[in-house]
Protein backbone atom coordinates (compact mmCIF):
# COMPACT_ATOMS: atom_id res chain seq x y z
CA UNK A 1 115.24 101.34 -95.14
CA UNK A 2 116.38 104.06 -92.71
CA UNK A 3 113.91 106.52 -94.19
CA UNK A 4 111.14 103.95 -93.90
CA UNK A 5 111.95 103.33 -90.23
CA UNK A 6 111.94 107.03 -89.42
CA UNK A 7 108.52 107.40 -90.98
CA UNK A 8 106.93 104.28 -89.52
CA UNK A 9 108.22 104.01 -85.95
CA UNK A 10 110.02 106.12 -83.36
CA UNK A 11 112.17 104.89 -80.47
CA UNK A 12 111.01 106.16 -77.06
CA UNK A 13 114.24 106.44 -75.13
CA UNK A 14 112.61 108.04 -72.08
CA UNK A 15 110.51 104.91 -71.41
CA UNK A 16 113.15 102.34 -72.31
CA UNK A 17 115.35 100.54 -69.81
CA UNK A 18 119.12 100.69 -70.03
CA UNK A 19 120.60 97.92 -72.16
CA UNK A 20 123.66 96.09 -70.86
CA UNK A 21 126.05 96.34 -73.78
CA UNK A 22 128.61 94.16 -72.01
CA UNK A 23 127.14 90.80 -72.96
CA UNK A 24 125.09 89.06 -75.59
CA UNK A 25 124.72 85.91 -77.65
CA UNK A 26 126.01 85.10 -81.11
CA UNK A 27 123.77 85.60 -84.13
CA UNK A 28 123.94 81.82 -84.64
CA UNK A 29 122.57 81.11 -81.16
CA UNK A 30 119.93 83.81 -81.60
CA UNK A 31 118.79 82.31 -84.91
CA UNK A 32 118.63 78.84 -83.39
CA UNK A 33 116.58 80.19 -80.49
CA UNK A 34 114.07 81.78 -82.87
CA UNK A 35 113.64 78.48 -84.69
CA UNK A 36 113.37 76.59 -81.42
CA UNK A 37 110.56 78.77 -80.11
CA UNK A 38 108.84 78.91 -83.49
CA UNK A 39 108.60 75.11 -83.50
CA UNK A 40 107.82 74.69 -79.78
CA UNK A 41 104.32 73.28 -79.37
CA UNK A 42 103.76 75.21 -76.12
CA UNK A 43 103.41 78.46 -78.07
CA UNK A 44 100.24 79.26 -80.03
CA UNK A 45 101.84 81.54 -82.60
CA UNK A 46 98.85 81.32 -84.94
CA UNK A 47 96.76 83.15 -82.33
CA UNK A 48 98.58 86.43 -82.86
CA UNK A 49 95.70 88.58 -81.61
CA UNK A 50 95.78 87.22 -78.07
CA UNK A 51 98.19 86.76 -75.16
CA UNK A 52 101.30 88.37 -76.68
CA UNK A 53 102.44 89.46 -73.21
CA UNK A 54 102.20 85.87 -71.97
CA UNK A 55 104.20 84.40 -74.86
CA UNK A 56 106.86 87.08 -74.39
CA UNK A 57 106.92 86.50 -70.64
CA UNK A 58 107.19 82.73 -71.04
CA UNK A 59 110.18 83.05 -73.38
CA UNK A 60 111.95 85.46 -71.03
CA UNK A 61 111.36 83.12 -68.08
CA UNK A 62 112.89 80.27 -70.08
CA UNK A 63 115.84 82.41 -71.15
CA UNK A 64 116.42 83.39 -67.52
CA UNK A 65 116.40 79.70 -66.57
CA UNK A 66 119.01 79.03 -69.27
CA UNK A 67 121.15 82.03 -68.25
CA UNK A 68 120.53 83.89 -71.51
CA UNK A 69 120.27 87.71 -71.22
CA UNK A 70 116.90 88.96 -72.40
CA UNK A 71 114.64 91.95 -72.86
CA UNK A 72 111.21 92.68 -74.28
CA UNK A 73 110.45 94.78 -77.33
CA UNK A 74 107.28 96.86 -77.06
CA UNK A 75 105.53 98.75 -79.84
CA UNK A 76 102.53 101.04 -79.34
CA UNK A 77 100.04 102.66 -81.66
CA UNK A 78 99.81 106.43 -81.64
CA UNK A 79 96.54 106.12 -79.69
CA UNK A 80 98.44 105.26 -76.50
CA UNK A 81 100.34 108.56 -76.70
CA UNK A 82 97.35 110.51 -78.06
CA UNK A 83 98.91 110.76 -81.47
CA UNK A 84 98.14 109.48 -84.98
CA UNK A 85 99.41 106.04 -85.96
CA UNK A 86 98.06 102.50 -86.12
CA UNK A 87 99.46 99.00 -85.75
CA UNK A 88 98.41 96.02 -87.83
CA UNK A 89 95.20 94.27 -86.79
CA UNK A 90 94.25 97.51 -84.99
CA UNK A 91 96.41 96.51 -82.03
CA UNK A 92 96.97 99.19 -79.42
CA UNK A 93 100.24 97.50 -78.51
CA UNK A 94 102.31 94.41 -79.15
CA UNK A 95 105.17 92.86 -77.18
CA UNK A 96 107.72 90.13 -77.86
CA UNK A 97 110.79 88.66 -76.20
CA UNK A 98 114.13 90.07 -77.30
CA UNK A 99 117.80 89.15 -76.90
CA UNK A 100 121.07 91.09 -77.19
CA UNK A 101 123.24 89.89 -80.08
CA UNK A 102 126.93 90.67 -80.46
CA UNK A 103 127.71 91.76 -84.03
CA UNK A 104 131.21 93.03 -84.65
CA UNK A 105 131.85 95.96 -82.31
CA UNK A 106 128.26 96.46 -81.18
CA UNK A 107 125.34 94.79 -79.45
CA UNK A 108 121.97 94.82 -81.22
CA UNK A 109 118.58 93.84 -79.84
CA UNK A 110 116.76 91.18 -81.85
CA UNK A 111 113.13 90.15 -81.39
CA UNK A 112 111.80 86.61 -81.19
CA UNK A 113 108.21 86.85 -82.45
CA UNK A 114 107.04 84.01 -84.73
CA UNK A 115 103.51 85.45 -84.44
CA UNK A 116 104.53 88.23 -86.84
CA UNK A 117 107.91 87.15 -88.23
CA UNK A 118 109.41 84.27 -90.20
CA UNK A 119 112.91 85.00 -88.93
CA UNK A 120 114.87 86.91 -86.30
CA UNK A 121 114.64 90.70 -86.71
CA UNK A 122 116.12 93.79 -85.06
CA UNK A 123 113.69 95.51 -82.71
CA UNK A 124 113.36 98.66 -84.84
CA UNK A 125 112.63 96.63 -87.98
CA UNK A 126 110.12 94.49 -86.07
CA UNK A 127 108.32 97.60 -84.81
CA UNK A 128 108.14 98.99 -88.35
CA UNK A 129 106.90 95.63 -89.60
CA UNK A 130 103.83 95.64 -87.33
CA UNK A 131 103.07 99.31 -88.01
CA UNK A 132 100.20 99.76 -90.45
CA UNK A 133 99.94 103.53 -90.52
CA UNK A 134 102.74 105.80 -89.22
CA UNK A 135 103.76 106.45 -86.64
CA UNK A 136 104.21 103.81 -83.96
CA UNK A 137 106.38 104.11 -80.87
CA UNK A 138 108.73 101.36 -79.76
CA UNK A 139 110.92 100.76 -76.75
CA UNK A 140 112.94 98.09 -74.95
CA UNK A 141 112.27 96.96 -71.38
CA UNK A 142 113.84 94.40 -69.06
CA UNK A 143 112.69 90.83 -69.58
CA UNK A 144 111.15 90.80 -66.09
CA UNK A 145 108.68 93.55 -67.01
CA UNK A 146 105.22 92.06 -67.53
CA UNK A 147 102.82 94.85 -68.46
CA UNK A 148 102.46 98.64 -68.52
CA UNK A 149 100.13 100.78 -66.36
CA UNK A 150 97.21 102.80 -67.69
CA UNK A 151 99.33 105.93 -67.30
CA UNK A 152 102.56 104.88 -68.97
CA UNK A 153 105.57 106.15 -67.07
CA UNK A 154 109.02 104.59 -66.93
CA UNK A 155 109.03 103.75 -63.21
CA UNK A 156 105.47 102.42 -62.94
CA UNK A 157 105.53 99.28 -65.08
CA UNK A 158 104.50 96.00 -63.46
CA UNK A 159 107.17 93.36 -62.98
CA UNK A 160 106.82 89.60 -63.07
CA UNK A 161 105.16 88.08 -60.01
CA UNK A 162 103.27 84.94 -58.94
CA UNK A 163 99.92 86.28 -60.15
CA UNK A 164 100.97 87.17 -63.68
CA UNK A 165 103.10 84.01 -63.83
CA UNK A 166 99.81 82.13 -63.49
CA UNK A 167 98.33 84.32 -66.24
CA UNK A 168 101.31 83.38 -68.42
CA UNK A 169 100.68 79.66 -67.96
CA UNK A 170 96.99 80.20 -68.67
CA UNK A 171 97.84 82.21 -71.76
CA UNK A 172 100.05 79.40 -73.05
CA UNK A 173 97.02 77.15 -72.50
CA UNK A 174 94.95 79.39 -74.78
CA UNK A 175 93.02 81.01 -71.93
CA UNK A 176 93.01 84.71 -71.09
CA UNK A 177 92.72 84.35 -67.33
CA UNK A 178 92.17 88.08 -66.84
CA UNK A 179 89.00 88.27 -68.94
CA UNK A 180 85.52 87.26 -67.81
CA UNK A 181 85.39 84.60 -70.54
CA UNK A 182 88.81 83.28 -69.53
CA UNK A 183 87.85 83.00 -65.87
CA UNK A 184 84.87 80.88 -66.90
CA UNK A 185 87.07 78.72 -69.14
CA UNK A 186 89.44 78.01 -66.26
CA UNK A 187 86.71 76.14 -64.41
CA UNK A 188 86.47 73.57 -67.18
CA UNK A 189 90.09 73.42 -68.32
CA UNK A 190 92.08 72.86 -65.12
CA UNK A 191 93.75 69.72 -66.49
CA UNK A 192 94.89 71.56 -69.63
CA UNK A 193 96.45 74.33 -67.51
CA UNK A 194 98.15 71.81 -65.20
CA UNK A 195 99.58 69.97 -68.19
CA UNK A 196 100.90 73.22 -69.65
CA UNK A 197 102.47 74.16 -66.31
CA UNK A 198 104.20 70.77 -66.10
CA UNK A 199 105.54 70.95 -69.66
CA UNK A 200 106.73 74.51 -69.13
CA UNK A 201 108.54 73.66 -65.89
CA UNK A 202 110.23 70.71 -67.57
CA UNK A 203 111.37 72.98 -70.39
CA UNK A 204 112.88 75.39 -67.87
CA UNK A 205 115.13 72.59 -66.66
CA UNK A 206 116.28 71.63 -70.16
CA UNK A 207 118.64 74.10 -71.79
CA UNK A 208 118.79 73.47 -75.56
CA UNK A 209 121.98 71.66 -76.55
CA UNK A 210 122.64 73.99 -79.49
CA UNK A 211 123.38 76.94 -77.20
CA UNK A 212 126.97 77.96 -76.62
CA UNK A 213 128.32 76.99 -73.18
CA UNK A 214 128.92 80.62 -72.19
CA UNK A 215 127.55 84.09 -72.89
CA UNK A 216 129.74 86.31 -75.05
CA UNK A 217 131.27 88.91 -72.75
CA UNK A 218 131.53 91.97 -74.97
CA UNK A 219 134.48 94.32 -74.43
CA UNK A 220 133.87 96.68 -77.33
CA UNK A 221 136.51 95.05 -79.51
CA UNK A 222 136.33 91.98 -81.68
CA UNK A 223 138.25 88.93 -80.54
CA UNK A 224 141.42 88.21 -82.51
């Protein structure tokens, strides 16, 4: 497995954000969250080729509302870095929500991506899973990061704001509001978008009952 990961995907530390290793959720909560989002009707997981940044952003917004620490896992084809390497479906990039999970004496980042996975998976395994031809390049960013710039540099990524929040709601509605086709669709699907916005806002107010009452504060040692 380690050999396979080295061949298929490389971690780009220079573009990744620092991970807070002081807190995380249990693997049980993380697994329940994956199942929850997989079965949530607001997410069009079957449409894997579109709006991945909006699904990831929506999950991170919900996790923020429920006080769950979160990140985003990003994986890029070699094309983005002017190198050889392809992702599945000829994607140039793919992104999914991620959460820190406390396992023994360490914190690992797991990805929530029912568009490509049947179960929770560590970010490096997820990146390898969507890599078709080595090598891909993966990294971890804050959950508030929405999209990358044309010239990818660590300090130039675009954070969440009102404009891309609207794009996220539109994406959940099955409309790419950035594209010419999507802008035309918005004229005839205003009610659908308003309904999605209402359902999403209601979900933000409703923390799932299966979640533990508090985040695991990690001290570097297992509890006795």
